[in-house]
Amino acid sequence: MNIFTEYTQVFVFAVVAILFTLVAVAIAYVLSPRTQGKKTFATYECGIEPFGSAWIRYSVHYYIYALIFIAFDVDVLYLFPVALSYTRSARSYEFYSLLIFILILGLAVAYAWGKGVFTWKRRVQ
């Protein structure tokens, strides 16, 4: 088979996706209001008048927890379909590969714990 005929559907799908995105952006650009008033740059808080500043400084620890959560959440996304499709008739190769994956996750948690990532450091004032 010719490589061009094998990937024709993928190419057409990619072109349609890019065109769909460009058309959506162009429509939004054409239909968006052009005037800039006082309320254009105001913060929006659930339809009520904002009070105080919208810019709050968060501790770096929140970001570390968020990054660790995202990393392990993605790993759970990989484990969930495997757990659903895993049967007793599965070969030992599949079992050991899943076991190695979980072991690597456990080592990552142990490494983060050893580095003190899960220890909340209080700021002295």
PDB file of N, CA and C in Angstrom:
ATOM      1  N   MET A   1       0.831  -1.189   0.000  1.00  0.00           N
ATOM      2  CA  MET A   1       0.000   0.000   0.000  1.00  0.00           C
ATOM      3  C   MET A   1       0.875   1.252   0.000  1.00  0.00           C
ATOM      4  N   ASN A   2       0.346   2.245  -0.578  1.00  0.00           N
ATOM      5  CA  ASN A   2       1.034   3.519  -0.625  1.00  0.00           C
ATOM      6  C   ASN A   2       0.824   4.255   0.699  1.00  0.00           C
ATOM      7  N   ILE A   3       1.866   4.900   1.189  1.00  0.00           N
ATOM      8  CA  ILE A   3       1.776   5.581   2.483  1.00  0.00           C
ATOM      9  C   ILE A   3       0.792   6.745   2.435  1.00  0.00           C
ATOM     10  N   PHE A   4       0.623   7.348   1.257  1.00  0.00           N
ATOM     11  CA  PHE A   4      -0.301   8.477   1.149  1.00  0.00           C
ATOM     12  C   PHE A   4      -1.754   8.031   1.267  1.00  0.00           C
ATOM     13  N   THR A   5      -2.074   6.851   0.779  1.00  0.00           N
ATOM     14  CA  THR A   5      -3.453   6.373   0.903  1.00  0.00           C
ATOM     15  C   THR A   5      -3.750   5.881   2.312  1.00  0.00           C
ATOM     16  N   GLU A   6      -2.728   5.453   3.037  1.00  0.00           N
ATOM     17  CA  GLU A   6      -2.944   4.970   4.397  1.00  0.00           C
ATOM     18  C   GLU A   6      -3.250   6.118   5.360  1.00  0.00           C
ATOM     19  N   TYR A   7      -2.654   7.253   5.156  1.00  0.00           N
ATOM     20  CA  TYR A   7      -2.814   8.379   6.069  1.00  0.00           C
ATOM     21  C   TYR A   7      -3.743   9.461   5.533  1.00  0.00           C
ATOM     22  N   THR A   8      -4.493   9.166   4.511  1.00  0.00           N
ATOM     23  CA  THR A   8      -5.395  10.162   3.938  1.00  0.00           C
ATOM     24  C   THR A   8      -6.467  10.579   4.936  1.00  0.00           C
ATOM     25  N   GLN A   9      -7.054   9.620   5.636  1.00  0.00           N
ATOM     26  CA  GLN A   9      -8.101   9.945   6.608  1.00  0.00           C
ATOM     27  C   GLN A   9      -7.550  10.800   7.746  1.00  0.00           C
ATOM     28  N   VAL A  10      -6.352  10.489   8.207  1.00  0.00           N
ATOM     29  CA  VAL A  10      -5.745  11.269   9.282  1.00  0.00           C
ATOM     30  C   VAL A  10      -5.479  12.694   8.803  1.00  0.00           C
ATOM     31  N   PHE A  11      -4.981  12.825   7.593  1.00  0.00           N
ATOM     32  CA  PHE A  11      -4.701  14.144   7.042  1.00  0.00           C
ATOM     33  C   PHE A  11      -5.983  14.955   6.875  1.00  0.00           C
ATOM     34  N   VAL A  12      -7.023  14.335   6.344  1.00  0.00           N
ATOM     35  CA  VAL A  12      -8.302  15.032   6.161  1.00  0.00           C
ATOM     36  C   VAL A  12      -8.873  15.447   7.511  1.00  0.00           C
ATOM     37  N   PHE A  13      -8.800  14.576   8.501  1.00  0.00           N
ATOM     38  CA  PHE A  13      -9.287  14.902   9.840  1.00  0.00           C
ATOM     39  C   PHE A  13      -8.520  16.084  10.421  1.00  0.00           C
ATOM     40  N   ALA A  14      -7.195  16.102  10.259  1.00  0.00           N
ATOM     41  CA  ALA A  14      -6.384  17.202  10.781  1.00  0.00           C
ATOM     42  C   ALA A  14      -6.731  18.514  10.081  1.00  0.00           C
ATOM     43  N   VAL A  15      -6.915  18.479   8.781  1.00  0.00           N
ATOM     44  CA  VAL A  15      -7.261  19.691   8.034  1.00  0.00           C
ATOM     45  C   VAL A  15      -8.631  20.211   8.465  1.00  0.00           C
ATOM     46  N   VAL A  16      -9.602  19.312   8.623  1.00  0.00           N
ATOM     47  CA  VAL A  16     -10.938  19.727   9.061  1.00  0.00           C
ATOM     48  C   VAL A  16     -10.881  20.308  10.470  1.00  0.00           C
ATOM     49  N   ALA A  17     -10.090  19.711  11.350  1.00  0.00           N
ATOM     50  CA  ALA A  17      -9.971  20.221  12.721  1.00  0.00           C
ATOM     51  C   ALA A  17      -9.352  21.615  12.727  1.00  0.00           C
ATOM     52  N   ILE A  18      -8.324  21.823  11.936  1.00  0.00           N
ATOM     53  CA  ILE A  18      -7.680  23.140  11.865  1.00  0.00           C
ATOM     54  C   ILE A  18      -8.633  24.172  11.265  1.00  0.00           C
ATOM     55  N   LEU A  19      -9.345  23.801  10.202  1.00  0.00           N
ATOM     56  CA  LEU A  19     -10.300  24.727   9.598  1.00  0.00           C
ATOM     57  C   LEU A  19     -11.438  25.063  10.555  1.00  0.00           C
ATOM     58  N   PHE A  20     -11.930  24.073  11.285  1.00  0.00           N
ATOM     59  CA  PHE A  20     -12.996  24.312  12.261  1.00  0.00           C
ATOM     60  C   PHE A  20     -12.537  25.297  13.328  1.00  0.00           C
ATOM     61  N   THR A  21     -11.310  25.132  13.791  1.00  0.00           N
ATOM     62  CA  THR A  21     -10.768  26.037  14.802  1.00  0.00           C
ATOM     63  C   THR A  21     -10.604  27.448  14.249  1.00  0.00           C
ATOM     64  N   LEU A  22     -10.058  27.559  13.061  1.00  0.00           N
ATOM     65  CA  LEU A  22      -9.858  28.880  12.457  1.00  0.00           C
ATOM     66  C   LEU A  22     -11.182  29.585  12.184  1.00  0.00           C
ATOM     67  N   VAL A  23     -12.187  28.843  11.741  1.00  0.00           N
ATOM     68  CA  VAL A  23     -13.501  29.444  11.488  1.00  0.00           C
ATOM     69  C   VAL A  23     -14.122  29.923  12.797  1.00  0.00           C
ATOM     70  N   ALA A  24     -13.998  29.142  13.866  1.00  0.00           N
ATOM     71  CA  ALA A  24     -14.549  29.549  15.163  1.00  0.00           C
ATOM     72  C   ALA A  24     -13.859  30.808  15.675  1.00  0.00           C
ATOM     73  N   VAL A  25     -12.551  30.890  15.538  1.00  0.00           N
ATOM     74  CA  VAL A  25     -11.818  32.086  15.973  1.00  0.00           C
ATOM     75  C   VAL A  25     -12.201  33.290  15.112  1.00  0.00           C
ATOM     76  N   ALA A  26     -12.351  33.094  13.814  1.00  0.00           N
ATOM     77  CA  ALA A  26     -12.720  34.197  12.926  1.00  0.00           C
ATOM     78  C   ALA A  26     -14.121  34.711  13.240  1.00  0.00           C
ATOM     79  N   ILE A  27     -15.060  33.807  13.508  1.00  0.00           N
ATOM     80  CA  ILE A  27     -16.421  34.230  13.856  1.00  0.00           C
ATOM     81  C   ILE A  27     -16.415  35.006  15.169  1.00  0.00           C
ATOM     82  N   ALA A  28     -15.666  34.539  16.145  1.00  0.00           N
ATOM     83  CA  ALA A  28     -15.579  35.249  17.422  1.00  0.00           C
ATOM     84  C   ALA A  28     -14.952  36.623  17.234  1.00  0.00           C
ATOM     85  N   TYR A  29     -13.969  36.733  16.367  1.00  0.00           N
ATOM     86  CA  TYR A  29     -13.320  38.026  16.116  1.00  0.00           C
ATOM     87  C   TYR A  29     -14.278  38.995  15.432  1.00  0.00           C
ATOM     88  N   VAL A  30     -15.043  38.500  14.482  1.00  0.00           N
ATOM     89  CA  VAL A  30     -15.967  39.363  13.740  1.00  0.00           C
ATOM     90  C   VAL A  30     -17.129  39.811  14.625  1.00  0.00           C
ATOM     91  N   LEU A  31     -17.644  38.924  15.462  1.00  0.00           N
ATOM     92  CA  LEU A  31     -18.827  39.237  16.257  1.00  0.00           C
ATOM     93  C   LEU A  31     -18.524  39.882  17.604  1.00  0.00           C
ATOM     94  N   SER A  32     -17.276  39.947  18.005  1.00  0.00           N
ATOM     95  CA  SER A  32     -16.955  40.500  19.324  1.00  0.00           C
ATOM     96  C   SER A  32     -17.073  42.021  19.307  1.00  0.00           C
ATOM     97  N   PRO A  33     -17.481  42.604  20.449  1.00  0.00           N
ATOM     98  CA  PRO A  33     -17.602  44.067  20.500  1.00  0.00           C
ATOM     99  C   PRO A  33     -16.227  44.729  20.481  1.00  0.00           C
ATOM    100  N   ARG A  34     -16.165  45.903  19.855  1.00  0.00           N
ATOM    101  CA  ARG A  34     -14.895  46.605  19.711  1.00  0.00           C
ATOM    102  C   ARG A  34     -14.700  47.713  20.745  1.00  0.00           C
ATOM    103  N   THR A  35     -15.760  48.139  21.391  1.00  0.00           N
ATOM    104  CA  THR A  35     -15.640  49.256  22.324  1.00  0.00           C
ATOM    105  C   THR A  35     -15.001  48.792  23.621  1.00  0.00           C
ATOM    106  N   GLN A  36     -14.190  49.673  24.176  1.00  0.00           N
ATOM    107  CA  GLN A  36     -13.552  49.383  25.451  1.00  0.00           C
ATOM    108  C   GLN A  36     -13.980  50.450  26.442  1.00  0.00           C
ATOM    109  N   GLY A  37     -14.751  50.024  27.404  1.00  0.00           N
ATOM    110  CA  GLY A  37     -15.223  50.949  28.417  1.00  0.00           C
ATOM    111  C   GLY A  37     -14.557  50.663  29.749  1.00  0.00           C
ATOM    112  N   LYS A  38     -15.138  51.260  30.786  1.00  0.00           N
ATOM    113  CA  LYS A  38     -14.595  51.102  32.131  1.00  0.00           C
ATOM    114  C   LYS A  38     -14.744  49.665  32.627  1.00  0.00           C
ATOM    115  N   LYS A  39     -15.834  49.025  32.238  1.00  0.00           N
ATOM    116  CA  LYS A  39     -16.103  47.673  32.726  1.00  0.00           C
ATOM    117  C   LYS A  39     -15.390  46.585  31.920  1.00  0.00           C
ATOM    118  N   THR A  40     -14.729  46.950  30.862  1.00  0.00           N
ATOM    119  CA  THR A  40     -14.055  45.949  30.041  1.00  0.00           C
ATOM    120  C   THR A  40     -12.950  45.244  30.811  1.00  0.00           C
ATOM    121  N   PHE A  41     -12.203  45.984  31.589  1.00  0.00           N
ATOM    122  CA  PHE A  41     -11.061  45.417  32.300  1.00  0.00           C
ATOM    123  C   PHE A  41     -11.361  45.116  33.764  1.00  0.00           C
ATOM    124  N   ALA A  42     -12.615  45.197  34.164  1.00  0.00           N
ATOM    125  CA  ALA A  42     -12.992  44.891  35.543  1.00  0.00           C
ATOM    126  C   ALA A  42     -13.042  43.377  35.737  1.00  0.00           C
ATOM    127  N   THR A  43     -12.742  42.943  36.938  1.00  0.00           N
ATOM    128  CA  THR A  43     -12.831  41.514  37.234  1.00  0.00           C
ATOM    129  C   THR A  43     -14.289  41.116  37.366  1.00  0.00           C
ATOM    130  N   TYR A  44     -14.570  39.859  37.109  1.00  0.00           N
ATOM    131  CA  TYR A  44     -15.932  39.348  37.147  1.00  0.00           C
ATOM    132  C   TYR A  44     -16.015  38.285  38.227  1.00  0.00           C
ATOM    133  N   GLU A  45     -16.890  38.509  39.202  1.00  0.00           N
ATOM    134  CA  GLU A  45     -17.042  37.556  40.297  1.00  0.00           C
ATOM    135  C   GLU A  45     -18.492  37.118  40.383  1.00  0.00           C
ATOM    136  N   CYS A  46     -18.894  36.180  39.581  1.00  0.00           N
ATOM    137  CA  CYS A  46     -20.218  35.545  39.651  1.00  0.00           C
ATOM    138  C   CYS A  46     -21.361  36.544  39.545  1.00  0.00           C
ATOM    139  N   GLY A  47     -21.193  37.602  38.818  1.00  0.00           N
ATOM    140  CA  GLY A  47     -22.271  38.546  38.604  1.00  0.00           C
ATOM    141  C   GLY A  47     -22.458  39.575  39.694  1.00  0.00           C
ATOM    142  N   ILE A  48     -21.616  39.587  40.699  1.00  0.00           N
ATOM    143  CA  ILE A  48     -21.730  40.591  41.755  1.00  0.00           C
ATOM    144  C   ILE A  48     -20.554  41.552  41.644  1.00  0.00           C
ATOM    145  N   GLU A  49     -20.702  42.685  42.262  1.00  0.00           N
ATOM    146  CA  GLU A  49     -19.626  43.670  42.243  1.00  0.00           C
ATOM    147  C   GLU A  49     -18.427  43.132  43.017  1.00  0.00           C
ATOM    148  N   PRO A  50     -17.245  43.171  42.424  1.00  0.00           N
ATOM    149  CA  PRO A  50     -16.064  42.657  43.126  1.00  0.00           C
ATOM    150  C   PRO A  50     -15.653  43.581  44.265  1.00  0.00           C
ATOM    151  N   PHE A  51     -15.136  42.974  45.304  1.00  0.00           N
ATOM    152  CA  PHE A  51     -14.608  43.760  46.418  1.00  0.00           C
ATOM    153  C   PHE A  51     -13.197  43.280  46.686  1.00  0.00           C
ATOM    154  N   GLY A  52     -12.326  44.180  46.961  1.00  0.00           N
ATOM    155  CA  GLY A  52     -10.929  43.837  47.173  1.00  0.00           C
ATOM    156  C   GLY A  52     -10.215  43.629  45.850  1.00  0.00           C
ATOM    157  N   SER A  53      -9.015  43.135  45.948  1.00  0.00           N
ATOM    158  CA  SER A  53      -8.195  42.905  44.766  1.00  0.00           C
ATOM    159  C   SER A  53      -8.374  41.473  44.272  1.00  0.00           C
ATOM    160  N   ALA A  54      -8.333  41.304  42.973  1.00  0.00           N
ATOM    161  CA  ALA A  54      -8.444  39.966  42.403  1.00  0.00           C
ATOM    162  C   ALA A  54      -7.099  39.244  42.417  1.00  0.00           C
ATOM    163  N   TRP A  55      -6.031  39.956  42.669  1.00  0.00           N
ATOM    164  CA  TRP A  55      -4.701  39.370  42.661  1.00  0.00           C
ATOM    165  C   TRP A  55      -4.300  39.006  44.084  1.00  0.00           C
ATOM    166  N   ILE A  56      -4.278  37.711  44.344  1.00  0.00           N
ATOM    167  CA  ILE A  56      -3.910  37.203  45.661  1.00  0.00           C
ATOM    168  C   ILE A  56      -2.658  36.358  45.495  1.00  0.00           C
ATOM    169  N   ARG A  57      -1.716  36.539  46.389  1.00  0.00           N
ATOM    170  CA  ARG A  57      -0.491  35.746  46.320  1.00  0.00           C
ATOM    171  C   ARG A  57      -0.709  34.424  47.040  1.00  0.00           C
ATOM    172  N   TYR A  58      -0.427  33.342  46.341  1.00  0.00           N
ATOM    173  CA  TYR A  58      -0.522  32.015  46.918  1.00  0.00           C
ATOM    174  C   TYR A  58       0.874  31.514  47.230  1.00  0.00           C
ATOM    175  N   SER A  59       0.954  30.658  48.207  1.00  0.00           N
ATOM    176  CA  SER A  59       2.232  30.057  48.545  1.00  0.00           C
ATOM    177  C   SER A  59       2.643  29.079  47.447  1.00  0.00           C
ATOM    178  N   VAL A  60       3.925  28.894  47.295  1.00  0.00           N
ATOM    179  CA  VAL A  60       4.444  27.972  46.292  1.00  0.00           C
ATOM    180  C   VAL A  60       4.018  26.542  46.603  1.00  0.00           C
ATOM    181  N   HIS A  61       3.750  26.254  47.860  1.00  0.00           N
ATOM    182  CA  HIS A  61       3.349  24.896  48.240  1.00  0.00           C
ATOM    183  C   HIS A  61       2.062  24.476  47.549  1.00  0.00           C
ATOM    184  N   TYR A  62       1.161  25.399  47.309  1.00  0.00           N
ATOM    185  CA  TYR A  62      -0.072  25.060  46.602  1.00  0.00           C
ATOM    186  C   TYR A  62       0.239  24.562  45.196  1.00  0.00           C
ATOM    187  N   TYR A  63       1.186  25.191  44.543  1.00  0.00           N
ATOM    188  CA  TYR A  63       1.535  24.796  43.192  1.00  0.00           C
ATOM    189  C   TYR A  63       2.201  23.427  43.176  1.00  0.00           C
ATOM    190  N   ILE A  64       3.018  23.141  44.165  1.00  0.00           N
ATOM    191  CA  ILE A  64       3.664  21.827  44.235  1.00  0.00           C
ATOM    192  C   ILE A  64       2.617  20.744  44.421  1.00  0.00           C
ATOM    193  N   TYR A  65       1.664  20.988  45.332  1.00  0.00           N
ATOM    194  CA  TYR A  65       0.584  20.019  45.521  1.00  0.00           C
ATOM    195  C   TYR A  65      -0.239  19.854  44.246  1.00  0.00           C
ATOM    196  N   ALA A  66      -0.484  20.942  43.553  1.00  0.00           N
ATOM    197  CA  ALA A  66      -1.264  20.870  42.322  1.00  0.00           C
ATOM    198  C   ALA A  66      -0.528  20.069  41.256  1.00  0.00           C
ATOM    199  N   LEU A  67       0.772  20.272  41.117  1.00  0.00           N
ATOM    200  CA  LEU A  67       1.539  19.518  40.126  1.00  0.00           C
ATOM    201  C   LEU A  67       1.589  18.034  40.461  1.00  0.00           C
ATOM    202  N   ILE A  68       1.757  17.712  41.732  1.00  0.00           N
ATOM    203  CA  ILE A  68       1.764  16.302  42.129  1.00  0.00           C
ATOM    204  C   ILE A  68       0.395  15.683  41.890  1.00  0.00           C
ATOM    205  N   PHE A  69      -0.661  16.424  42.212  1.00  0.00           N
ATOM    206  CA  PHE A  69      -2.008  15.915  41.970  1.00  0.00           C
ATOM    207  C   PHE A  69      -2.234  15.641  40.493  1.00  0.00           C
ATOM    208  N   ILE A  70      -1.823  16.563  39.627  1.00  0.00           N
ATOM    209  CA  ILE A  70      -2.015  16.369  38.191  1.00  0.00           C
ATOM    210  C   ILE A  70      -1.234  15.163  37.702  1.00  0.00           C
ATOM    211  N   ALA A  71      -0.007  14.992  38.179  1.00  0.00           N
ATOM    212  CA  ALA A  71       0.806  13.857  37.749  1.00  0.00           C
ATOM    213  C   ALA A  71       0.157  12.536  38.142  1.00  0.00           C
ATOM    214  N   PHE A  72      -0.311  12.433  39.375  1.00  0.00           N
ATOM    215  CA  PHE A  72      -0.916  11.178  39.808  1.00  0.00           C
ATOM    216  C   PHE A  72      -2.321  11.001  39.250  1.00  0.00           C
ATOM    217  N   ASP A  73      -2.999  12.083  38.941  1.00  0.00           N
ATOM    218  CA  ASP A  73      -4.307  11.979  38.321  1.00  0.00           C
ATOM    219  C   ASP A  73      -4.183  11.399  36.918  1.00  0.00           C
ATOM    220  N   VAL A  74      -3.173  11.809  36.186  1.00  0.00           N
ATOM    221  CA  VAL A  74      -2.935  11.247  34.858  1.00  0.00           C
ATOM    222  C   VAL A  74      -2.591   9.764  34.967  1.00  0.00           C
ATOM    223  N   ASP A  75      -1.830   9.393  35.977  1.00  0.00           N
ATOM    224  CA  ASP A  75      -1.506   7.978  36.163  1.00  0.00           C
ATOM    225  C   ASP A  75      -2.746   7.160  36.474  1.00  0.00           C
ATOM    226  N   VAL A  76      -3.648   7.708  37.243  1.00  0.00           N
ATOM    227  CA  VAL A  76      -4.894   6.997  37.536  1.00  0.00           C
ATOM    228  C   VAL A  76      -5.731   6.862  36.268  1.00  0.00           C
ATOM    229  N   LEU A  77      -5.659   7.858  35.393  1.00  0.00           N
ATOM    230  CA  LEU A  77      -6.365   7.737  34.118  1.00  0.00           C
ATOM    231  C   LEU A  77      -5.837   6.570  33.297  1.00  0.00           C
ATOM    232  N   TYR A  78      -4.557   6.254  33.430  1.00  0.00           N
ATOM    233  CA  TYR A  78      -4.011   5.087  32.748  1.00  0.00           C
ATOM    234  C   TYR A  78      -4.398   3.793  33.461  1.00  0.00           C
ATOM    235  N   LEU A  79      -4.466   3.827  34.770  1.00  0.00           N
ATOM    236  CA  LEU A  79      -4.761   2.612  35.524  1.00  0.00           C
ATOM    237  C   LEU A  79      -6.231   2.220  35.465  1.00  0.00           C
ATOM    238  N   PHE A  80      -7.127   3.169  35.373  1.00  0.00           N
ATOM    239  CA  PHE A  80      -8.552   2.865  35.420  1.00  0.00           C
ATOM    240  C   PHE A  80      -9.009   1.966  34.270  1.00  0.00           C
ATOM    241  N   PRO A  81      -8.680   2.260  33.007  1.00  0.00           N
ATOM    242  CA  PRO A  81      -9.101   1.348  31.937  1.00  0.00           C
ATOM    243  C   PRO A  81      -8.441  -0.025  32.039  1.00  0.00           C
ATOM    244  N   VAL A  82      -7.213  -0.053  32.520  1.00  0.00           N
ATOM    245  CA  VAL A  82      -6.530  -1.341  32.677  1.00  0.00           C
ATOM    246  C   VAL A  82      -7.240  -2.177  33.728  1.00  0.00           C
ATOM    247  N   ALA A  83      -7.637  -1.540  34.816  1.00  0.00           N
ATOM    248  CA  ALA A  83      -8.332  -2.274  35.874  1.00  0.00           C
ATOM    249  C   ALA A  83      -9.690  -2.771  35.404  1.00  0.00           C
ATOM    250  N   LEU A  84     -10.350  -2.027  34.548  1.00  0.00           N
ATOM    251  CA  LEU A  84     -11.650  -2.466  34.053  1.00  0.00           C
ATOM    252  C   LEU A  84     -11.535  -3.621  33.071  1.00  0.00           C
ATOM    253  N   SER A  85     -10.490  -3.632  32.279  1.00  0.00           N
ATOM    254  CA  SER A  85     -10.353  -4.682  31.271  1.00  0.00           C
ATOM    255  C   SER A  85      -9.543  -5.873  31.756  1.00  0.00           C
ATOM    256  N   TYR A  86      -8.998  -5.779  32.951  1.00  0.00           N
ATOM    257  CA  TYR A  86      -8.168  -6.863  33.472  1.00  0.00           C
ATOM    258  C   TYR A  86      -9.053  -8.025  33.901  1.00  0.00           C
ATOM    259  N   THR A  87      -8.717  -9.211  33.462  1.00  0.00           N
ATOM    260  CA  THR A  87      -9.481 -10.409  33.827  1.00  0.00           C
ATOM    261  C   THR A  87      -8.548 -11.420  34.463  1.00  0.00           C
ATOM    262  N   ARG A  88      -9.133 -12.456  34.990  1.00  0.00           N
ATOM    263  CA  ARG A  88      -8.318 -13.511  35.605  1.00  0.00           C
ATOM    264  C   ARG A  88      -7.520 -14.286  34.561  1.00  0.00           C
ATOM    265  N   SER A  89      -7.966 -14.249  33.340  1.00  0.00           N
ATOM    266  CA  SER A  89      -7.257 -14.981  32.291  1.00  0.00           C
ATOM    267  C   SER A  89      -6.115 -14.173  31.686  1.00  0.00           C
ATOM    268  N   ALA A  90      -5.790 -13.060  32.296  1.00  0.00           N
ATOM    269  CA  ALA A  90      -4.704 -12.223  31.776  1.00  0.00           C
ATOM    270  C   ALA A  90      -3.366 -12.941  31.937  1.00  0.00           C
ATOM    271  N   ARG A  91      -2.496 -12.670  31.002  1.00  0.00           N
ATOM    272  CA  ARG A  91      -1.182 -13.305  31.045  1.00  0.00           C
ATOM    273  C   ARG A  91      -0.330 -12.675  32.135  1.00  0.00           C
ATOM    274  N   SER A  92       0.698 -13.393  32.522  1.00  0.00           N
ATOM    275  CA  SER A  92       1.566 -12.897  33.588  1.00  0.00           C
ATOM    276  C   SER A  92       2.341 -11.650  33.140  1.00  0.00           C
ATOM    277  N   TYR A  93       2.613 -11.524  31.842  1.00  0.00           N
ATOM    278  CA  TYR A  93       3.306 -10.338  31.339  1.00  0.00           C
ATOM    279  C   TYR A  93       2.501  -9.073  31.647  1.00  0.00           C
ATOM    280  N   GLU A  94       1.200  -9.130  31.405  1.00  0.00           N
ATOM    281  CA  GLU A  94       0.352  -7.971  31.668  1.00  0.00           C
ATOM    282  C   GLU A  94       0.307  -7.657  33.156  1.00  0.00           C
ATOM    283  N   PHE A  95       0.242  -8.694  33.975  1.00  0.00           N
ATOM    284  CA  PHE A  95       0.209  -8.488  35.417  1.00  0.00           C
ATOM    285  C   PHE A  95       1.503  -7.849  35.901  1.00  0.00           C
ATOM    286  N   TYR A  96       2.635  -8.358  35.442  1.00  0.00           N
ATOM    287  CA  TYR A  96       3.916  -7.820  35.892  1.00  0.00           C
ATOM    288  C   TYR A  96       4.168  -6.411  35.354  1.00  0.00           C
ATOM    289  N   SER A  97       3.720  -6.123  34.155  1.00  0.00           N
ATOM    290  CA  SER A  97       3.889  -4.758  33.646  1.00  0.00           C
ATOM    291  C   SER A  97       3.041  -3.774  34.456  1.00  0.00           C
ATOM    292  N   LEU A  98       1.832  -4.181  34.838  1.00  0.00           N
ATOM    293  CA  LEU A  98       1.002  -3.342  35.694  1.00  0.00           C
ATOM    294  C   LEU A  98       1.622  -3.200  37.077  1.00  0.00           C
ATOM    295  N   LEU A  99       2.187  -4.262  37.588  1.00  0.00           N
ATOM    296  CA  LEU A  99       2.834  -4.225  38.893  1.00  0.00           C
ATOM    297  C   LEU A  99       4.050  -3.294  38.877  1.00  0.00           C
ATOM    298  N   ILE A 100       4.824  -3.319  37.808  1.00  0.00           N
ATOM    299  CA  ILE A 100       5.987  -2.435  37.683  1.00  0.00           C
ATOM    300  C   ILE A 100       5.534  -0.973  37.608  1.00  0.00           C
ATOM    301  N   PHE A 101       4.456  -0.714  36.885  1.00  0.00           N
ATOM    302  CA  PHE A 101       3.924   0.647  36.788  1.00  0.00           C
ATOM    303  C   PHE A 101       3.503   1.162  38.159  1.00  0.00           C
ATOM    304  N   ILE A 102       2.804   0.341  38.926  1.00  0.00           N
ATOM    305  CA  ILE A 102       2.378   0.739  40.267  1.00  0.00           C
ATOM    306  C   ILE A 102       3.588   0.890  41.185  1.00  0.00           C
ATOM    307  N   LEU A 103       4.594   0.055  41.014  1.00  0.00           N
ATOM    308  CA  LEU A 103       5.815   0.164  41.812  1.00  0.00           C
ATOM    309  C   LEU A 103       6.533   1.483  41.529  1.00  0.00           C
ATOM    310  N   ILE A 104       6.585   1.880  40.277  1.00  0.00           N
ATOM    311  CA  ILE A 104       7.211   3.161  39.928  1.00  0.00           C
ATOM    312  C   ILE A 104       6.433   4.320  40.541  1.00  0.00           C
ATOM    313  N   LEU A 105       5.108   4.224  40.539  1.00  0.00           N
ATOM    314  CA  LEU A 105       4.303   5.258  41.196  1.00  0.00           C
ATOM    315  C   LEU A 105       4.593   5.307  42.689  1.00  0.00           C
ATOM    316  N   GLY A 106       4.715   4.146  43.308  1.00  0.00           N
ATOM    317  CA  GLY A 106       5.044   4.103  44.734  1.00  0.00           C
ATOM    318  C   GLY A 106       6.411   4.690  45.017  1.00  0.00           C
ATOM    319  N   LEU A 107       7.379   4.414  44.145  1.00  0.00           N
ATOM    320  CA  LEU A 107       8.710   4.997  44.316  1.00  0.00           C
ATOM    321  C   LEU A 107       8.678   6.519  44.155  1.00  0.00           C
ATOM    322  N   ALA A 108       7.831   7.005  43.258  1.00  0.00           N
ATOM    323  CA  ALA A 108       7.701   8.459  43.090  1.00  0.00           C
ATOM    324  C   ALA A 108       7.122   9.100  44.344  1.00  0.00           C
ATOM    325  N   VAL A 109       6.137   8.450  44.950  1.00  0.00           N
ATOM    326  CA  VAL A 109       5.570   8.974  46.198  1.00  0.00           C
ATOM    327  C   VAL A 109       6.617   8.945  47.303  1.00  0.00           C
ATOM    328  N   ALA A 110       7.379   7.844  47.393  1.00  0.00           N
ATOM    329  CA  ALA A 110       8.417   7.742  48.420  1.00  0.00           C
ATOM    330  C   ALA A 110       9.497   8.805  48.215  1.00  0.00           C
ATOM    331  N   TYR A 111       9.861   9.066  46.965  1.00  0.00           N
ATOM    332  CA  TYR A 111      10.863  10.087  46.669  1.00  0.00           C
ATOM    333  C   TYR A 111      10.360  11.474  47.069  1.00  0.00           C
ATOM    334  N   ALA A 112       9.104  11.774  46.705  1.00  0.00           N
ATOM    335  CA  ALA A 112       8.536  13.078  47.062  1.00  0.00           C
ATOM    336  C   ALA A 112       8.415  13.213  48.574  1.00  0.00           C
ATOM    337  N   TRP A 113       8.055  12.144  49.244  1.00  0.00           N
ATOM    338  CA  TRP A 113       7.938  12.173  50.696  1.00  0.00           C
ATOM    339  C   TRP A 113       9.308  12.391  51.338  1.00  0.00           C
ATOM    340  N   GLY A 114      10.331  11.714  50.794  1.00  0.00           N
ATOM    341  CA  GLY A 114      11.690  11.874  51.301  1.00  0.00           C
ATOM    342  C   GLY A 114      12.236  13.273  51.090  1.00  0.00           C
ATOM    343  N   LYS A 115      11.828  13.924  50.012  1.00  0.00           N
ATOM    344  CA  LYS A 115      12.263  15.296  49.739  1.00  0.00           C
ATOM    345  C   LYS A 115      11.488  16.317  50.562  1.00  0.00           C
ATOM    346  N   GLY A 116      10.475  15.870  51.294  1.00  0.00           N
ATOM    347  CA  GLY A 116       9.707  16.769  52.137  1.00  0.00           C
ATOM    348  C   GLY A 116       8.631  17.542  51.411  1.00  0.00           C
ATOM    349  N   VAL A 117       8.190  17.030  50.280  1.00  0.00           N
ATOM    350  CA  VAL A 117       7.171  17.732  49.510  1.00  0.00           C
ATOM    351  C   VAL A 117       5.838  17.751  50.247  1.00  0.00           C
ATOM    352  N   PHE A 118       5.530  16.693  50.970  1.00  0.00           N
ATOM    353  CA  PHE A 118       4.243  16.603  51.655  1.00  0.00           C
ATOM    354  C   PHE A 118       4.253  17.273  53.027  1.00  0.00           C
ATOM    355  N   THR A 119       5.370  17.847  53.432  1.00  0.00           N
ATOM    356  CA  THR A 119       5.465  18.539  54.711  1.00  0.00           C
ATOM    357  C   THR A 119       5.197  20.020  54.484  1.00  0.00           C
ATOM    358  N   TRP A 120       4.186  20.522  55.159  1.00  0.00           N
ATOM    359  CA  TRP A 120       3.830  21.923  54.999  1.00  0.00           C
ATOM    360  C   TRP A 120       4.719  22.762  55.905  1.00  0.00           C
ATOM    361  N   LYS A 121       5.483  23.647  55.308  1.00  0.00           N
ATOM    362  CA  LYS A 121       6.382  24.507  56.067  1.00  0.00           C
ATOM    363  C   LYS A 121       5.667  25.808  56.377  1.00  0.00           C
ATOM    364  N   ARG A 122       5.568  26.112  57.663  1.00  0.00           N
ATOM    365  CA  ARG A 122       4.901  27.356  58.063  1.00  0.00           C
ATOM    366  C   ARG A 122       5.868  28.526  57.919  1.00  0.00           C
ATOM    367  N   ARG A 123       5.329  29.623  57.457  1.00  0.00           N
ATOM    368  CA  ARG A 123       6.135  30.822  57.294  1.00  0.00           C
ATOM    369  C   ARG A 123       6.156  31.572  58.621  1.00  0.00           C
ATOM    370  N   VAL A 124       7.338  31.872  59.096  1.00  0.00           N
ATOM    371  CA  VAL A 124       7.485  32.600  60.350  1.00  0.00           C
ATOM    372  C   VAL A 124       7.379  34.083  60.050  1.00  0.00           C
ATOM    373  N   GLN A 125       6.535  34.782  60.820  1.00  0.00           N
ATOM    374  CA  GLN A 125       6.361  36.218  60.576  1.00  0.00           C
ATOM    375  C   GLN A 125       6.927  37.023  61.702  1.00  0.00           C
TER     376      GLN A 125
END
